[in-house]
Amino acid sequence: MNDTASIKRTLERTIATLTDDPDRARRTYRVDAAMDAGLRVTTTEGKWQVTMDMPEAMGGAASAPNPGVYARAALLGCVAVGVRLEAARDDIRLERLEMSLESDADGRGILGFEGVEPGFESFRLDIRVTSAADEARVRAMIDRALARSPWWNVASRPQNLRADVVVHTIRADA
């Protein structure tokens, strides 16, 4: 796996910087979306672009992963990186780290069926670690990683959401 000592040194420098100047840790992220043909959408955040589409059963062309694929990948990737970071901080060498995420949803929710929520109902995370470190120490490190994971946090508590809508009306006789 990655060089634990290098990751730890980088984290220590970042922690020292943010301890001295906490305002450097606060950020506002912006992502923009542009609709392509059909249900295909491309999002851009800084230099990164992500293209999504819906499956054919939903009216899409299935030309790219749907937003749910990226949501689950973000959650799982964030936890995996967090475990790696915490292992480096604790000098725990991980010989192998594998994870699986399962989620349950009712597809009727997105279609507006009454009484059916459109989001995920539950998530199940399976973490498999191979390490020479003491099991209790590894488990404590994983608990900290989960507690510090931004996307695990997003999935586990209500968020402040707001939608500002601007409608530009086109005159029919124009």
Protein backbone atom coordinates (compact mmCIF):
# COMPACT_ATOMS: atom_id res chain seq x y z
CA MET A 1 0.00 0.00 0.00
CA ASN A 2 1.03 3.67 -0.07
CA ASP A 3 3.99 4.94 1.90
CA THR A 4 2.54 5.33 5.39
CA ALA A 5 5.40 7.52 6.62
CA SER A 6 4.98 9.97 3.72
CA ILE A 7 1.22 10.20 4.29
CA LYS A 8 1.78 10.75 8.02
CA ARG A 9 4.33 13.54 7.43
CA THR A 10 1.95 15.28 5.03
CA LEU A 11 -0.93 15.02 7.50
CA GLU A 12 1.22 16.37 10.32
CA ARG A 13 2.18 19.41 8.20
CA THR A 14 -1.45 20.01 7.23
CA ILE A 15 -2.64 19.67 10.84
CA ALA A 16 0.04 22.13 12.00
CA THR A 17 -0.95 24.62 9.28
CA LEU A 18 -4.64 24.41 10.14
CA THR A 19 -3.93 24.62 13.87
CA ASP A 20 -2.06 27.89 13.25
CA ASP A 21 -4.65 29.22 10.77
CA PRO A 22 -8.07 27.52 11.15
CA ASP A 23 -9.66 29.79 8.52
CA ARG A 24 -7.64 27.98 5.83
CA ALA A 25 -9.76 24.87 6.46
CA ARG A 26 -13.08 26.53 5.58
CA ARG A 27 -14.14 26.28 1.95
CA THR A 28 -17.18 26.59 -0.24
CA TYR A 29 -17.26 24.10 -3.09
CA ARG A 30 -19.16 24.79 -6.28
CA VAL A 31 -20.13 22.31 -8.95
CA ASP A 32 -21.99 23.26 -12.12
CA ALA A 33 -24.15 21.03 -14.28
CA ALA A 34 -24.99 21.23 -17.98
CA MET A 35 -27.64 19.02 -19.53
CA ASP A 36 -26.65 17.21 -22.70
CA ALA A 37 -29.05 15.19 -24.84
CA GLY A 38 -31.81 13.30 -23.06
CA LEU A 39 -31.00 12.72 -19.39
CA ARG A 40 -27.22 12.92 -19.79
CA VAL A 41 -25.63 15.59 -17.61
CA THR A 42 -22.02 16.70 -17.19
CA THR A 43 -20.92 18.31 -13.95
CA THR A 44 -17.81 20.42 -13.58
CA GLU A 45 -15.97 21.29 -10.38
CA GLY A 46 -12.69 23.07 -11.00
CA LYS A 47 -10.70 20.94 -13.44
CA TRP A 48 -12.85 17.83 -12.91
CA GLN A 49 -15.79 16.74 -15.04
CA VAL A 50 -18.19 13.90 -14.33
CA THR A 51 -20.78 12.68 -16.82
CA MET A 52 -23.92 10.89 -15.71
CA ASP A 53 -26.91 9.39 -17.45
CA MET A 54 -29.94 7.42 -16.39
CA PRO A 55 -30.71 3.83 -17.36
CA GLU A 56 -32.91 3.15 -20.35
CA ALA A 57 -35.78 2.09 -18.06
CA MET A 58 -35.84 5.69 -16.77
CA GLY A 59 -35.66 7.31 -20.21
CA GLY A 60 -31.90 7.70 -20.37
CA ALA A 61 -29.42 6.17 -22.78
CA ALA A 62 -27.28 4.43 -20.12
CA SER A 63 -24.25 6.13 -21.68
CA ALA A 64 -22.61 6.80 -18.30
CA PRO A 65 -23.10 5.80 -14.66
CA ASN A 66 -26.20 7.23 -13.00
CA PRO A 67 -25.91 9.71 -10.10
CA GLY A 68 -26.50 6.94 -7.55
CA VAL A 69 -23.36 5.13 -8.73
CA TYR A 70 -21.31 8.24 -8.05
CA ALA A 71 -23.02 8.82 -4.68
CA ARG A 72 -22.21 5.31 -3.50
CA ALA A 73 -18.67 5.57 -4.89
CA ALA A 74 -18.14 8.89 -3.09
CA LEU A 75 -19.30 7.39 0.21
CA LEU A 76 -17.18 4.26 -0.14
CA GLY A 77 -14.13 6.08 -1.50
CA CYS A 78 -14.26 8.66 1.27
CA VAL A 79 -14.35 5.97 3.95
CA ALA A 80 -11.51 4.03 2.29
CA VAL A 81 -9.30 7.11 2.11
CA GLY A 82 -10.21 7.99 5.70
CA VAL A 83 -9.18 4.55 6.95
CA ARG A 84 -5.88 4.87 5.09
CA LEU A 85 -5.27 8.33 6.57
CA GLU A 86 -6.06 7.20 10.12
CA ALA A 87 -3.87 4.11 9.72
CA ALA A 88 -0.99 6.37 8.68
CA ARG A 89 -1.57 8.68 11.66
CA ASP A 90 -1.48 5.65 14.01
CA ASP A 91 1.48 3.97 12.29
CA ILE A 92 -0.70 0.96 11.49
CA ARG A 93 0.52 -0.89 8.43
CA LEU A 94 -2.34 -2.21 6.33
CA GLU A 95 -1.36 -5.16 4.18
CA ARG A 96 -4.76 -5.16 2.55
CA LEU A 97 -7.86 -2.97 2.75
CA GLU A 98 -11.04 -3.88 0.91
CA MET A 99 -14.55 -2.53 1.31
CA SER A 100 -18.02 -3.19 -0.04
CA LEU A 101 -21.09 -1.01 0.24
CA GLU A 102 -24.66 -2.15 -0.25
CA SER A 103 -27.63 0.18 -0.30
CA ASP A 104 -31.37 -0.35 -0.47
CA ALA A 105 -33.81 1.88 -2.31
CA ASP A 106 -37.30 1.64 -3.76
CA GLY A 107 -37.24 2.78 -7.39
CA ARG A 108 -40.85 3.91 -7.19
CA GLY A 109 -39.84 6.94 -5.08
CA ILE A 110 -38.12 8.78 -7.94
CA LEU A 111 -41.25 8.19 -10.03
CA GLY A 112 -43.47 9.92 -7.48
CA PHE A 113 -45.33 6.94 -6.06
CA GLU A 114 -47.24 8.13 -3.00
CA GLY A 115 -45.75 7.13 0.33
CA VAL A 116 -42.43 6.00 -1.17
CA GLU A 117 -39.30 8.01 -0.35
CA PRO A 118 -37.04 8.71 -3.35
CA GLY A 119 -33.73 8.18 -1.54
CA PHE A 120 -31.77 5.33 -0.08
CA GLU A 121 -33.38 3.43 2.79
CA SER A 122 -30.22 1.94 4.25
CA PHE A 123 -26.51 1.37 3.72
CA ARG A 124 -24.37 -1.58 4.81
CA LEU A 125 -20.59 -1.17 4.83
CA ASP A 126 -18.28 -4.18 4.96
CA ILE A 127 -14.63 -3.41 5.77
CA ARG A 128 -11.98 -6.13 5.43
CA VAL A 129 -8.51 -5.38 6.80
CA THR A 130 -5.34 -7.44 6.88
CA SER A 131 -2.76 -6.08 9.31
CA ALA A 132 -0.18 -7.28 11.83
CA ALA A 133 -1.50 -4.66 14.26
CA ASP A 134 -3.62 -5.62 17.26
CA GLU A 135 -7.29 -6.08 16.29
CA ALA A 136 -8.56 -3.69 18.98
CA ARG A 137 -6.19 -1.00 17.73
CA VAL A 138 -7.32 -1.50 14.12
CA ARG A 139 -10.99 -1.38 15.14
CA ALA A 140 -10.45 1.85 17.12
CA MET A 141 -8.67 3.38 14.12
CA ILE A 142 -11.58 2.44 11.82
CA ASP A 143 -14.08 3.90 14.30
CA ARG A 144 -12.16 7.21 14.17
CA ALA A 145 -12.04 7.08 10.37
CA LEU A 146 -15.81 6.65 10.21
CA ALA A 147 -16.37 9.45 12.73
CA ARG A 148 -14.19 11.80 10.64
CA SER A 149 -15.44 10.82 7.19
CA PRO A 150 -17.28 13.72 5.51
CA TRP A 151 -19.43 11.47 3.30
CA TRP A 152 -20.21 8.99 6.09
CA ASN A 153 -21.32 12.04 8.08
CA VAL A 154 -23.48 13.29 5.18
CA ALA A 155 -25.19 9.92 4.91
CA SER A 156 -25.78 9.62 8.65
CA ARG A 157 -27.31 12.96 9.60
CA PRO A 158 -29.72 15.53 8.18
CA GLN A 159 -28.11 18.24 6.07
CA ASN A 160 -29.02 21.87 5.46
CA LEU A 161 -30.33 21.98 1.90
CA ARG A 162 -31.66 24.94 -0.07
CA ALA A 163 -32.73 25.28 -3.68
CA ASP A 164 -32.82 28.73 -5.31
CA VAL A 165 -34.82 28.61 -8.53
CA VAL A 166 -34.74 31.16 -11.35
CA VAL A 167 -37.16 30.68 -14.23
CA HIS A 168 -36.65 32.55 -17.50
CA THR A 169 -39.97 32.58 -19.33
CA ILE A 170 -39.95 32.62 -23.12
CA ARG A 171 -42.91 34.41 -24.69
CA ALA A 172 -44.90 32.16 -27.00
CA ASP A 173 -45.13 34.87 -29.69
CA ALA A 174 -41.39 35.52 -29.76
